[in-house]
Structures are given as C-alpha cells and as structure tokens.
Amino acid sequence: MDLDLFVQYCESLKGTTLENPFGDNTLVCKVMGKMYALADVDSFESINVKCDPEKAIELREQYPAVIPGYHMSKKHWNTIIMDNSIPNSQVKQWILDSYNLVVNKLTKKDRAELENL
C-alpha cells in the first residue's frame, strides 16, 4: 500500500476528515473528530491504527510487521510497518476495524449525525 491508496481508502469511509494536528508531515484520519489512523506523509514507512487489545496482541504475534503503537497507547494501537509483507486487503481491513472501533464508541447523537452524512 502506498500513501495515495491509504488516503483514498480512508476518505472512502463515511465522515472521515484528514487533519495535521501534529505537524505537516503527520496525516491523521478522524471520524467525528476522533482519530482512527495516522501516517507519516514524508516516508510512509508505517501507519498506526486502533485495535481491540486482545486482537492487537494476536496480530503482533502473527505478523512481524505489526508492532505496538509507536508514540501511542501500546494497549489500543498497533503500528503496521509498510514493507509490503501484508496484503493491501488485510491492511484495509485493519483500517476499517479501527474506524469501526471509533464509530462504536461515539455518542448516540454523533452516530446519528454520521448516519445522516
């Protein structure tokens, strides 16, 4: 996966906004103001995604390119090294899982607003 495909996929998820709150070289994908993915736009060596804590450990054990979230909560975030060892379809699924984790934690009002977008 390259940066363009990452951005294109994230933008396809309903209600996604792309922001740079940590500086111009860090792209943050949010839904209803909540982060679900981050990437360095200069090198695009890795992305960070939210993950269920138990599943996060399983993925780290199964995939060498999945490590605890860099500069994030190690319990709730994974960093995926973009070395092409993981198929794009799998990376997309993990991005979608992250998005869904965030959406499921939104308030009822925010979920209703998201549905109406």
PDB file of N, CA and C in Angstrom:
ATOM      1  N   MET A   1       0.851  -1.174   0.000  1.00  0.00           N
ATOM      2  CA  MET A   1       0.000   0.000   0.000  1.00  0.00           C
ATOM      3  C   MET A   1       0.895   1.234   0.000  1.00  0.00           C
ATOM      4  N   ASP A   2       0.511   2.212  -0.766  1.00  0.00           N
ATOM      5  CA  ASP A   2       1.236   3.473  -0.764  1.00  0.00           C
ATOM      6  C   ASP A   2       0.361   4.555  -0.139  1.00  0.00           C
ATOM      7  N   LEU A   3       0.922   5.739   0.006  1.00  0.00           N
ATOM      8  CA  LEU A   3       0.206   6.835   0.664  1.00  0.00           C
ATOM      9  C   LEU A   3      -1.089   7.178  -0.059  1.00  0.00           C
ATOM     10  N   ASP A   4      -1.063   7.226  -1.392  1.00  0.00           N
ATOM     11  CA  ASP A   4      -2.266   7.581  -2.152  1.00  0.00           C
ATOM     12  C   ASP A   4      -3.399   6.592  -1.904  1.00  0.00           C
ATOM     13  N   LEU A   5      -3.088   5.305  -1.890  1.00  0.00           N
ATOM     14  CA  LEU A   5      -4.109   4.294  -1.640  1.00  0.00           C
ATOM     15  C   LEU A   5      -4.624   4.394  -0.212  1.00  0.00           C
ATOM     16  N   PHE A   6      -3.727   4.649   0.738  1.00  0.00           N
ATOM     17  CA  PHE A   6      -4.124   4.834   2.137  1.00  0.00           C
ATOM     18  C   PHE A   6      -5.119   5.986   2.259  1.00  0.00           C
ATOM     19  N   VAL A   7      -4.763   7.130   1.684  1.00  0.00           N
ATOM     20  CA  VAL A   7      -5.628   8.311   1.752  1.00  0.00           C
ATOM     21  C   VAL A   7      -6.960   8.041   1.056  1.00  0.00           C
ATOM     22  N   GLN A   8      -6.896   7.455  -0.126  1.00  0.00           N
ATOM     23  CA  GLN A   8      -8.115   7.156  -0.885  1.00  0.00           C
ATOM     24  C   GLN A   8      -9.039   6.244  -0.083  1.00  0.00           C
ATOM     25  N   TYR A   9      -8.483   5.206   0.526  1.00  0.00           N
ATOM     26  CA  TYR A   9      -9.316   4.276   1.290  1.00  0.00           C
ATOM     27  C   TYR A   9      -9.926   4.965   2.511  1.00  0.00           C
ATOM     28  N   CYS A  10      -9.108   5.706   3.256  1.00  0.00           N
ATOM     29  CA  CYS A  10      -9.635   6.382   4.446  1.00  0.00           C
ATOM     30  C   CYS A  10     -10.725   7.385   4.080  1.00  0.00           C
ATOM     31  N   GLU A  11     -10.514   8.128   3.003  1.00  0.00           N
ATOM     32  CA  GLU A  11     -11.526   9.096   2.569  1.00  0.00           C
ATOM     33  C   GLU A  11     -12.824   8.430   2.132  1.00  0.00           C
ATOM     34  N   SER A  12     -12.760   7.163   1.765  1.00  0.00           N
ATOM     35  CA  SER A  12     -13.972   6.454   1.352  1.00  0.00           C
ATOM     36  C   SER A  12     -14.852   6.062   2.542  1.00  0.00           C
ATOM     37  N   LEU A  13     -14.301   6.143   3.743  1.00  0.00           N
ATOM     38  CA  LEU A  13     -15.062   5.785   4.936  1.00  0.00           C
ATOM     39  C   LEU A  13     -15.877   6.990   5.394  1.00  0.00           C
ATOM     40  N   LYS A  14     -17.143   6.771   5.589  1.00  0.00           N
ATOM     41  CA  LYS A  14     -18.103   7.835   5.859  1.00  0.00           C
ATOM     42  C   LYS A  14     -17.678   8.730   7.016  1.00  0.00           C
ATOM     43  N   GLY A  15     -17.716  10.034   6.757  1.00  0.00           N
ATOM     44  CA  GLY A  15     -17.447  11.023   7.790  1.00  0.00           C
ATOM     45  C   GLY A  15     -15.978  11.264   8.081  1.00  0.00           C
ATOM     46  N   THR A  16     -15.087  10.684   7.290  1.00  0.00           N
ATOM     47  CA  THR A  16     -13.656  10.851   7.529  1.00  0.00           C
ATOM     48  C   THR A  16     -13.193  12.261   7.175  1.00  0.00           C
ATOM     49  N   THR A  17     -12.377  12.816   8.064  1.00  0.00           N
ATOM     50  CA  THR A  17     -11.669  14.054   7.778  1.00  0.00           C
ATOM     51  C   THR A  17     -10.177  13.775   7.921  1.00  0.00           C
ATOM     52  N   LEU A  18      -9.379  14.475   7.133  1.00  0.00           N
ATOM     53  CA  LEU A  18      -7.929  14.350   7.182  1.00  0.00           C
ATOM     54  C   LEU A  18      -7.367  15.632   7.772  1.00  0.00           C
ATOM     55  N   GLU A  19      -6.553  15.492   8.809  1.00  0.00           N
ATOM     56  CA  GLU A  19      -6.031  16.651   9.509  1.00  0.00           C
ATOM     57  C   GLU A  19      -4.546  16.475   9.787  1.00  0.00           C
ATOM     58  N   ASN A  20      -3.907  17.574  10.184  1.00  0.00           N
ATOM     59  CA  ASN A  20      -2.479  17.562  10.516  1.00  0.00           C
ATOM     60  C   ASN A  20      -2.233  18.218  11.881  1.00  0.00           C
ATOM     61  N   PRO A  21      -2.845  17.709  12.955  1.00  0.00           N
ATOM     62  CA  PRO A  21      -2.691  18.363  14.258  1.00  0.00           C
ATOM     63  C   PRO A  21      -1.290  18.235  14.856  1.00  0.00           C
ATOM     64  N   PHE A  22      -0.478  17.308  14.360  1.00  0.00           N
ATOM     65  CA  PHE A  22       0.857  17.072  14.908  1.00  0.00           C
ATOM     66  C   PHE A  22       1.963  17.594  13.989  1.00  0.00           C
ATOM     67  N   GLY A  23       1.585  18.387  13.010  1.00  0.00           N
ATOM     68  CA  GLY A  23       2.553  18.923  12.057  1.00  0.00           C
ATOM     69  C   GLY A  23       2.244  18.463  10.648  1.00  0.00           C
ATOM     70  N   ASP A  24       2.853  19.131   9.684  1.00  0.00           N
ATOM     71  CA  ASP A  24       2.554  18.892   8.275  1.00  0.00           C
ATOM     72  C   ASP A  24       2.885  17.484   7.792  1.00  0.00           C
ATOM     73  N   ASN A  25       3.816  16.810   8.453  1.00  0.00           N
ATOM     74  CA  ASN A  25       4.214  15.502   7.930  1.00  0.00           C
ATOM     75  C   ASN A  25       3.459  14.332   8.569  1.00  0.00           C
ATOM     76  N   THR A  26       2.533  14.598   9.486  1.00  0.00           N
ATOM     77  CA  THR A  26       1.722  13.527  10.079  1.00  0.00           C
ATOM     78  C   THR A  26       0.271  13.721   9.688  1.00  0.00           C
ATOM     79  N   LEU A  27      -0.254  12.778   8.936  1.00  0.00           N
ATOM     80  CA  LEU A  27      -1.639  12.809   8.499  1.00  0.00           C
ATOM     81  C   LEU A  27      -2.475  12.001   9.485  1.00  0.00           C
ATOM     82  N   VAL A  28      -3.530  12.620  10.006  1.00  0.00           N
ATOM     83  CA  VAL A  28      -4.417  11.969  10.961  1.00  0.00           C
ATOM     84  C   VAL A  28      -5.791  11.830  10.320  1.00  0.00           C
ATOM     85  N   CYS A  29      -6.309  10.600  10.327  1.00  0.00           N
ATOM     86  CA  CYS A  29      -7.653  10.322   9.821  1.00  0.00           C
ATOM     87  C   CYS A  29      -8.599  10.258  11.008  1.00  0.00           C
ATOM     88  N   LYS A  30      -9.665  11.050  10.921  1.00  0.00           N
ATOM     89  CA  LYS A  30     -10.628  11.110  12.017  1.00  0.00           C
ATOM     90  C   LYS A  30     -12.033  10.863  11.495  1.00  0.00           C
ATOM     91  N   VAL A  31     -12.865  10.344  12.393  1.00  0.00           N
ATOM     92  CA  VAL A  31     -14.295  10.255  12.133  1.00  0.00           C
ATOM     93  C   VAL A  31     -14.977  10.943  13.315  1.00  0.00           C
ATOM     94  N   MET A  32     -15.789  11.939  13.013  1.00  0.00           N
ATOM     95  CA  MET A  32     -16.480  12.727  14.031  1.00  0.00           C
ATOM     96  C   MET A  32     -15.496  13.255  15.074  1.00  0.00           C
ATOM     97  N   GLY A  33     -14.327  13.690  14.600  1.00  0.00           N
ATOM     98  CA  GLY A  33     -13.334  14.298  15.463  1.00  0.00           C
ATOM     99  C   GLY A  33     -12.463  13.345  16.253  1.00  0.00           C
ATOM    100  N   LYS A  34     -12.635  12.037  16.047  1.00  0.00           N
ATOM    101  CA  LYS A  34     -11.862  11.029  16.782  1.00  0.00           C
ATOM    102  C   LYS A  34     -10.895  10.314  15.848  1.00  0.00           C
ATOM    103  N   MET A  35      -9.641  10.165  16.283  1.00  0.00           N
ATOM    104  CA  MET A  35      -8.611   9.531  15.459  1.00  0.00           C
ATOM    105  C   MET A  35      -8.858   8.039  15.302  1.00  0.00           C
ATOM    106  N   TYR A  36      -8.641   7.557  14.065  1.00  0.00           N
ATOM    107  CA  TYR A  36      -8.642   6.112  13.849  1.00  0.00           C
ATOM    108  C   TYR A  36      -7.431   5.637  13.056  1.00  0.00           C
ATOM    109  N   ALA A  37      -6.670   6.540  12.450  1.00  0.00           N
ATOM    110  CA  ALA A  37      -5.456   6.145  11.723  1.00  0.00           C
ATOM    111  C   ALA A  37      -4.530   7.346  11.601  1.00  0.00           C
ATOM    112  N   LEU A  38      -3.220   7.049  11.588  1.00  0.00           N
ATOM    113  CA  LEU A  38      -2.202   8.075  11.417  1.00  0.00           C
ATOM    114  C   LEU A  38      -1.121   7.548  10.492  1.00  0.00           C
ATOM    115  N   ALA A  39      -0.492   8.462   9.772  1.00  0.00           N
ATOM    116  CA  ALA A  39       0.615   8.070   8.896  1.00  0.00           C
ATOM    117  C   ALA A  39       1.567   9.246   8.711  1.00  0.00           C
ATOM    118  N   ASP A  40       2.835   8.925   8.526  1.00  0.00           N
ATOM    119  CA  ASP A  40       3.852   9.916   8.189  1.00  0.00           C
ATOM    120  C   ASP A  40       3.809  10.094   6.674  1.00  0.00           C
ATOM    121  N   VAL A  41       3.503  11.292   6.218  1.00  0.00           N
ATOM    122  CA  VAL A  41       3.345  11.517   4.779  1.00  0.00           C
ATOM    123  C   VAL A  41       4.670  11.670   4.046  1.00  0.00           C
ATOM    124  N   ASP A  42       5.749  11.923   4.773  1.00  0.00           N
ATOM    125  CA  ASP A  42       7.052  12.073   4.121  1.00  0.00           C
ATOM    126  C   ASP A  42       7.630  10.721   3.706  1.00  0.00           C
ATOM    127  N   SER A  43       7.634   9.778   4.630  1.00  0.00           N
ATOM    128  CA  SER A  43       8.260   8.485   4.338  1.00  0.00           C
ATOM    129  C   SER A  43       7.245   7.361   4.130  1.00  0.00           C
ATOM    130  N   PHE A  44       6.082   7.466   4.714  1.00  0.00           N
ATOM    131  CA  PHE A  44       5.036   6.437   4.691  1.00  0.00           C
ATOM    132  C   PHE A  44       5.632   5.042   4.958  1.00  0.00           C
ATOM    133  N   GLU A  45       6.433   4.978   6.014  1.00  0.00           N
ATOM    134  CA  GLU A  45       7.041   3.706   6.407  1.00  0.00           C
ATOM    135  C   GLU A  45       6.109   2.867   7.268  1.00  0.00           C
ATOM    136  N   SER A  46       5.116   3.526   7.900  1.00  0.00           N
ATOM    137  CA  SER A  46       4.198   2.812   8.774  1.00  0.00           C
ATOM    138  C   SER A  46       2.912   3.599   8.930  1.00  0.00           C
ATOM    139  N   ILE A  47       1.886   2.904   9.425  1.00  0.00           N
ATOM    140  CA  ILE A  47       0.641   3.558   9.812  1.00  0.00           C
ATOM    141  C   ILE A  47       0.274   3.054  11.208  1.00  0.00           C
ATOM    142  N   ASN A  48      -0.466   3.864  11.934  1.00  0.00           N
ATOM    143  CA  ASN A  48      -0.994   3.466  13.234  1.00  0.00           C
ATOM    144  C   ASN A  48      -2.502   3.329  13.120  1.00  0.00           C
ATOM    145  N   VAL A  49      -3.032   2.243  13.691  1.00  0.00           N
ATOM    146  CA  VAL A  49      -4.476   2.015  13.722  1.00  0.00           C
ATOM    147  C   VAL A  49      -4.884   1.522  15.101  1.00  0.00           C
ATOM    148  N   LYS A  50      -6.109   1.860  15.486  1.00  0.00           N
ATOM    149  CA  LYS A  50      -6.649   1.359  16.747  1.00  0.00           C
ATOM    150  C   LYS A  50      -6.950  -0.124  16.586  1.00  0.00           C
ATOM    151  N   CYS A  51      -6.930  -0.833  17.714  1.00  0.00           N
ATOM    152  CA  CYS A  51      -7.183  -2.261  17.663  1.00  0.00           C
ATOM    153  C   CYS A  51      -7.702  -2.723  19.029  1.00  0.00           C
ATOM    154  N   ASP A  52      -8.605  -3.689  19.003  1.00  0.00           N
ATOM    155  CA  ASP A  52      -9.042  -4.324  20.235  1.00  0.00           C
ATOM    156  C   ASP A  52      -7.798  -4.859  20.945  1.00  0.00           C
ATOM    157  N   PRO A  53      -7.645  -4.619  22.243  1.00  0.00           N
ATOM    158  CA  PRO A  53      -6.417  -5.021  22.941  1.00  0.00           C
ATOM    159  C   PRO A  53      -6.031  -6.494  22.794  1.00  0.00           C
ATOM    160  N   GLU A  54      -6.982  -7.400  22.869  1.00  0.00           N
ATOM    161  CA  GLU A  54      -6.650  -8.827  22.728  1.00  0.00           C
ATOM    162  C   GLU A  54      -6.232  -9.160  21.305  1.00  0.00           C
ATOM    163  N   LYS A  55      -6.950  -8.576  20.338  1.00  0.00           N
ATOM    164  CA  LYS A  55      -6.604  -8.811  18.940  1.00  0.00           C
ATOM    165  C   LYS A  55      -5.250  -8.184  18.595  1.00  0.00           C
ATOM    166  N   ALA A  56      -4.952  -7.046  19.221  1.00  0.00           N
ATOM    167  CA  ALA A  56      -3.676  -6.370  18.971  1.00  0.00           C
ATOM    168  C   ALA A  56      -2.507  -7.300  19.292  1.00  0.00           C
ATOM    169  N   ILE A  57      -2.597  -7.989  20.402  1.00  0.00           N
ATOM    170  CA  ILE A  57      -1.532  -8.920  20.798  1.00  0.00           C
ATOM    171  C   ILE A  57      -1.430 -10.072  19.808  1.00  0.00           C
ATOM    172  N   GLU A  58      -2.569 -10.618  19.412  1.00  0.00           N
ATOM    173  CA  GLU A  58      -2.576 -11.724  18.435  1.00  0.00           C
ATOM    174  C   GLU A  58      -1.908 -11.302  17.124  1.00  0.00           C
ATOM    175  N   LEU A  59      -2.251 -10.109  16.628  1.00  0.00           N
ATOM    176  CA  LEU A  59      -1.686  -9.635  15.363  1.00  0.00           C
ATOM    177  C   LEU A  59      -0.185  -9.428  15.470  1.00  0.00           C
ATOM    178  N   ARG A  60       0.270  -8.923  16.609  1.00  0.00           N
ATOM    179  CA  ARG A  60       1.706  -8.715  16.817  1.00  0.00           C
ATOM    180  C   ARG A  60       2.458 -10.039  16.817  1.00  0.00           C
ATOM    181  N   GLU A  61       1.821 -11.070  17.355  1.00  0.00           N
ATOM    182  CA  GLU A  61       2.451 -12.394  17.384  1.00  0.00           C
ATOM    183  C   GLU A  61       2.444 -13.048  16.000  1.00  0.00           C
ATOM    184  N   GLN A  62       1.409 -12.761  15.230  1.00  0.00           N
ATOM    185  CA  GLN A  62       1.234 -13.406  13.923  1.00  0.00           C
ATOM    186  C   GLN A  62       2.023 -12.721  12.803  1.00  0.00           C
ATOM    187  N   TYR A  63       2.160 -11.400  12.870  1.00  0.00           N
ATOM    188  CA  TYR A  63       2.785 -10.630  11.793  1.00  0.00           C
ATOM    189  C   TYR A  63       3.995  -9.855  12.315  1.00  0.00           C
ATOM    190  N   PRO A  64       5.185 -10.132  11.808  1.00  0.00           N
ATOM    191  CA  PRO A  64       6.371  -9.368  12.235  1.00  0.00           C
ATOM    192  C   PRO A  64       6.263  -7.873  11.932  1.00  0.00           C
ATOM    193  N   ALA A  65       5.467  -7.501  10.942  1.00  0.00           N
ATOM    194  CA  ALA A  65       5.326  -6.091  10.555  1.00  0.00           C
ATOM    195  C   ALA A  65       4.285  -5.351  11.398  1.00  0.00           C
ATOM    196  N   VAL A  66       3.725  -6.014  12.386  1.00  0.00           N
ATOM    197  CA  VAL A  66       2.774  -5.372  13.295  1.00  0.00           C
ATOM    198  C   VAL A  66       3.432  -5.292  14.672  1.00  0.00           C
ATOM    199  N   ILE A  67       3.567  -4.061  15.153  1.00  0.00           N
ATOM    200  CA  ILE A  67       4.231  -3.829  16.430  1.00  0.00           C
ATOM    201  C   ILE A  67       3.343  -2.931  17.304  1.00  0.00           C
ATOM    202  N   PRO A  68       3.650  -2.831  18.596  1.00  0.00           N
ATOM    203  CA  PRO A  68       2.863  -1.918  19.447  1.00  0.00           C
ATOM    204  C   PRO A  68       2.896  -0.497  18.897  1.00  0.00           C
ATOM    205  N   GLY A  69       1.803   0.223  19.078  1.00  0.00           N
ATOM    206  CA  GLY A  69       1.667   1.566  18.519  1.00  0.00           C
ATOM    207  C   GLY A  69       2.803   2.502  18.889  1.00  0.00           C
ATOM    208  N   TYR A  70       3.460   3.031  17.873  1.00  0.00           N
ATOM    209  CA  TYR A  70       4.567   3.967  18.049  1.00  0.00           C
ATOM    210  C   TYR A  70       4.016   5.309  18.513  1.00  0.00           C
ATOM    211  N   HIS A  71       4.482   5.790  19.659  1.00  0.00           N
ATOM    212  CA  HIS A  71       4.021   7.046  20.266  1.00  0.00           C
ATOM    213  C   HIS A  71       2.523   7.042  20.556  1.00  0.00           C
ATOM    214  N   MET A  72       1.947   5.853  20.755  1.00  0.00           N
ATOM    215  CA  MET A  72       0.520   5.727  21.033  1.00  0.00           C
ATOM    216  C   MET A  72       0.350   4.775  22.218  1.00  0.00           C
ATOM    217  N   SER A  73      -0.872   4.620  22.682  1.00  0.00           N
ATOM    218  CA  SER A  73      -1.160   3.627  23.710  1.00  0.00           C
ATOM    219  C   SER A  73      -0.840   2.251  23.142  1.00  0.00           C
ATOM    220  N   LYS A  74       0.086   1.556  23.766  1.00  0.00           N
ATOM    221  CA  LYS A  74       0.502   0.229  23.278  1.00  0.00           C
ATOM    222  C   LYS A  74      -0.634  -0.783  23.423  1.00  0.00           C
ATOM    223  N   LYS A  75      -1.562  -0.508  24.293  1.00  0.00           N
ATOM    224  CA  LYS A  75      -2.677  -1.421  24.511  1.00  0.00           C
ATOM    225  C   LYS A  75      -3.721  -1.321  23.398  1.00  0.00           C
ATOM    226  N   HIS A  76      -3.968  -0.111  22.919  1.00  0.00           N
ATOM    227  CA  HIS A  76      -5.081   0.126  21.992  1.00  0.00           C
ATOM    228  C   HIS A  76      -4.669   0.447  20.560  1.00  0.00           C
ATOM    229  N   TRP A  77      -3.375   0.573  20.281  1.00  0.00           N
ATOM    230  CA  TRP A  77      -2.927   0.950  18.946  1.00  0.00           C
ATOM    231  C   TRP A  77      -1.829   0.005  18.466  1.00  0.00           C
ATOM    232  N   ASN A  78      -1.873  -0.314  17.186  1.00  0.00           N
ATOM    233  CA  ASN A  78      -0.811  -1.066  16.521  1.00  0.00           C
ATOM    234  C   ASN A  78      -0.187  -0.191  15.452  1.00  0.00           C
ATOM    235  N   THR A  79       1.101  -0.372  15.257  1.00  0.00           N
ATOM    236  CA  THR A  79       1.808   0.226  14.134  1.00  0.00           C
ATOM    237  C   THR A  79       2.031  -0.880  13.114  1.00  0.00           C
ATOM    238  N   ILE A  80       1.669  -0.606  11.874  1.00  0.00           N
ATOM    239  CA  ILE A  80       1.867  -1.547  10.780  1.00  0.00           C
ATOM    240  C   ILE A  80       3.008  -1.015   9.921  1.00  0.00           C
ATOM    241  N   ILE A  81       4.087  -1.777   9.860  1.00  0.00           N
ATOM    242  CA  ILE A  81       5.223  -1.399   9.028  1.00  0.00           C
ATOM    243  C   ILE A  81       4.836  -1.665   7.572  1.00  0.00           C
ATOM    244  N   MET A  82       4.950  -0.628   6.738  1.00  0.00           N
ATOM    245  CA  MET A  82       4.524  -0.724   5.345  1.00  0.00           C
ATOM    246  C   MET A  82       5.661  -1.262   4.477  1.00  0.00           C
ATOM    247  N   ASP A  83       5.991  -2.541   4.690  1.00  0.00           N
ATOM    248  CA  ASP A  83       7.099  -3.180   3.959  1.00  0.00           C
ATOM    249  C   ASP A  83       6.596  -4.155   2.889  1.00  0.00           C
ATOM    250  N   ASN A  84       5.308  -4.076   2.580  1.00  0.00           N
ATOM    251  CA  ASN A  84       4.650  -4.942   1.588  1.00  0.00           C
ATOM    252  C   ASN A  84       4.589  -6.408   1.999  1.00  0.00           C
ATOM    253  N   SER A  85       4.807  -6.707   3.269  1.00  0.00           N
ATOM    254  CA  SER A  85       4.685  -8.088   3.728  1.00  0.00           C
ATOM    255  C   SER A  85       3.243  -8.456   4.054  1.00  0.00           C
ATOM    256  N   ILE A  86       2.387  -7.452   4.158  1.00  0.00           N
ATOM    257  CA  ILE A  86       0.973  -7.673   4.461  1.00  0.00           C
ATOM    258  C   ILE A  86       0.159  -7.195   3.264  1.00  0.00           C
ATOM    259  N   PRO A  87      -0.741  -8.042   2.755  1.00  0.00           N
ATOM    260  CA  PRO A  87      -1.543  -7.649   1.591  1.00  0.00           C
ATOM    261  C   PRO A  87      -2.379  -6.389   1.860  1.00  0.00           C
ATOM    262  N   ASN A  88      -2.568  -5.590   0.827  1.00  0.00           N
ATOM    263  CA  ASN A  88      -3.375  -4.378   0.945  1.00  0.00           C
ATOM    264  C   ASN A  88      -4.757  -4.663   1.498  1.00  0.00           C
ATOM    265  N   SER A  89      -5.344  -5.770   1.090  1.00  0.00           N
ATOM    266  CA  SER A  89      -6.691  -6.109   1.562  1.00  0.00           C
ATOM    267  C   SER A  89      -6.708  -6.278   3.078  1.00  0.00           C
ATOM    268  N   GLN A  90      -5.644  -6.839   3.644  1.00  0.00           N
ATOM    269  CA  GLN A  90      -5.567  -7.016   5.093  1.00  0.00           C
ATOM    270  C   GLN A  90      -5.364  -5.674   5.792  1.00  0.00           C
ATOM    271  N   VAL A  91      -4.507  -4.835   5.234  1.00  0.00           N
ATOM    272  CA  VAL A  91      -4.286  -3.508   5.810  1.00  0.00           C
ATOM    273  C   VAL A  91      -5.594  -2.712   5.786  1.00  0.00           C
ATOM    274  N   LYS A  92      -6.318  -2.775   4.680  1.00  0.00           N
ATOM    275  CA  LYS A  92      -7.612  -2.087   4.587  1.00  0.00           C
ATOM    276  C   LYS A  92      -8.573  -2.597   5.652  1.00  0.00           C
ATOM    277  N   GLN A  93      -8.571  -3.908   5.890  1.00  0.00           N
ATOM    278  CA  GLN A  93      -9.461  -4.467   6.899  1.00  0.00           C
ATOM    279  C   GLN A  93      -9.112  -3.929   8.282  1.00  0.00           C
ATOM    280  N   TRP A  94      -7.825  -3.809   8.579  1.00  0.00           N
ATOM    281  CA  TRP A  94      -7.416  -3.280   9.883  1.00  0.00           C
ATOM    282  C   TRP A  94      -7.770  -1.804  10.019  1.00  0.00           C
ATOM    283  N   ILE A  95      -7.686  -1.051   8.925  1.00  0.00           N
ATOM    284  CA  ILE A  95      -8.111   0.351   8.956  1.00  0.00           C
ATOM    285  C   ILE A  95      -9.613   0.410   9.223  1.00  0.00           C
ATOM    286  N   LEU A  96     -10.374  -0.429   8.539  1.00  0.00           N
ATOM    287  CA  LEU A  96     -11.828  -0.473   8.745  1.00  0.00           C
ATOM    288  C   LEU A  96     -12.163  -0.897  10.171  1.00  0.00           C
ATOM    289  N   ASP A  97     -11.447  -1.872  10.699  1.00  0.00           N
ATOM    290  CA  ASP A  97     -11.669  -2.295  12.092  1.00  0.00           C
ATOM    291  C   ASP A  97     -11.430  -1.119  13.044  1.00  0.00           C
ATOM    292  N   SER A  98     -10.370  -0.354  12.791  1.00  0.00           N
ATOM    293  CA  SER A  98     -10.052   0.810  13.617  1.00  0.00           C
ATOM    294  C   SER A  98     -11.178   1.843  13.533  1.00  0.00           C
ATOM    295  N   TYR A  99     -11.602   2.121  12.321  1.00  0.00           N
ATOM    296  CA  TYR A  99     -12.708   3.058  12.085  1.00  0.00           C
ATOM    297  C   TYR A  99     -13.947   2.605  12.863  1.00  0.00           C
ATOM    298  N   ASN A 100     -14.283   1.324  12.747  1.00  0.00           N
ATOM    299  CA  ASN A 100     -15.480   0.799  13.417  1.00  0.00           C
ATOM    300  C   ASN A 100     -15.363   0.850  14.935  1.00  0.00           C
ATOM    301  N   LEU A 101     -14.170   0.612  15.470  1.00  0.00           N
ATOM    302  CA  LEU A 101     -13.973   0.742  16.917  1.00  0.00           C
ATOM    303  C   LEU A 101     -14.311   2.155  17.379  1.00  0.00           C
ATOM    304  N   VAL A 102     -13.856   3.138  16.625  1.00  0.00           N
ATOM    305  CA  VAL A 102     -14.122   4.532  16.977  1.00  0.00           C
ATOM    306  C   VAL A 102     -15.606   4.843  16.831  1.00  0.00           C
ATOM    307  N   VAL A 103     -16.203   4.446  15.715  1.00  0.00           N
ATOM    308  CA  VAL A 103     -17.627   4.721  15.485  1.00  0.00           C
ATOM    309  C   VAL A 103     -18.484   4.096  16.588  1.00  0.00           C
ATOM    310  N   ASN A 104     -18.143   2.885  16.993  1.00  0.00           N
ATOM    311  CA  ASN A 104     -18.933   2.202  18.026  1.00  0.00           C
ATOM    312  C   ASN A 104     -18.836   2.869  19.389  1.00  0.00           C
ATOM    313  N   LYS A 105     -17.812   3.689  19.608  1.00  0.00           N
ATOM    314  CA  LYS A 105     -17.643   4.402  20.878  1.00  0.00           C
ATOM    315  C   LYS A 105     -18.242   5.819  20.836  1.00  0.00           C
ATOM    316  N   LEU A 106     -18.716   6.242  19.665  1.00  0.00           N
ATOM    317  CA  LEU A 106     -19.310   7.569  19.549  1.00  0.00           C
ATOM    318  C   LEU A 106     -20.602   7.641  20.348  1.00  0.00           C
ATOM    319  N   THR A 107     -20.963   8.846  20.721  1.00  0.00           N
ATOM    320  CA  THR A 107     -22.246   9.036  21.391  1.00  0.00           C
ATOM    321  C   THR A 107     -23.370   8.720  20.408  1.00  0.00           C
ATOM    322  N   LYS A 108     -24.525   8.464  20.958  1.00  0.00           N
ATOM    323  CA  LYS A 108     -25.698   8.173  20.126  1.00  0.00           C
ATOM    324  C   LYS A 108     -25.966   9.337  19.166  1.00  0.00           C
ATOM    325  N   LYS A 109     -25.812  10.552  19.666  1.00  0.00           N
ATOM    326  CA  LYS A 109     -26.029  11.752  18.848  1.00  0.00           C
ATOM    327  C   LYS A 109     -25.035  11.794  17.685  1.00  0.00           C
ATOM    328  N   ASP A 110     -23.750  11.552  17.977  1.00  0.00           N
ATOM    329  CA  ASP A 110     -22.734  11.594  16.929  1.00  0.00           C
ATOM    330  C   ASP A 110     -22.923  10.478  15.908  1.00  0.00           C
ATOM    331  N   ARG A 111     -23.319   9.285  16.364  1.00  0.00           N
ATOM    332  CA  ARG A 111     -23.584   8.185  15.416  1.00  0.00           C
ATOM    333  C   ARG A 111     -24.751   8.529  14.512  1.00  0.00           C
ATOM    334  N   ALA A 112     -25.779   9.153  15.063  1.00  0.00           N
ATOM    335  CA  ALA A 112     -26.937   9.570  14.265  1.00  0.00           C
ATOM    336  C   ALA A 112     -26.517  10.622  13.239  1.00  0.00           C
ATOM    337  N   GLU A 113     -25.671  11.557  13.667  1.00  0.00           N
ATOM    338  CA  GLU A 113     -25.182  12.589  12.749  1.00  0.00           C
ATOM    339  C   GLU A 113     -24.351  11.957  11.625  1.00  0.00           C
ATOM    340  N   LEU A 114     -23.523  10.984  11.984  1.00  0.00           N
ATOM    341  CA  LEU A 114     -22.698  10.290  10.987  1.00  0.00           C
ATOM    342  C   LEU A 114     -23.591   9.583   9.977  1.00  0.00           C
ATOM    343  N   GLU A 115     -24.634   8.941  10.439  1.00  0.00           N
ATOM    344  CA  GLU A 115     -25.553   8.240   9.535  1.00  0.00           C
ATOM    345  C   GLU A 115     -26.194   9.192   8.530  1.00  0.00           C
ATOM    346  N   ASN A 116     -26.399  10.441   8.930  1.00  0.00           N
ATOM    347  CA  ASN A 116     -27.061  11.416   8.059  1.00  0.00           C
ATOM    348  C   ASN A 116     -26.111  12.152   7.115  1.00  0.00           C
ATOM    349  N   LEU A 117     -24.826  11.826   7.174  1.00  0.00           N
ATOM    350  CA  LEU A 117     -23.873  12.479   6.267  1.00  0.00           C
ATOM    351  C   LEU A 117     -23.999  11.942   4.858  1.00  0.00           C
TER     352      LEU A 117
END
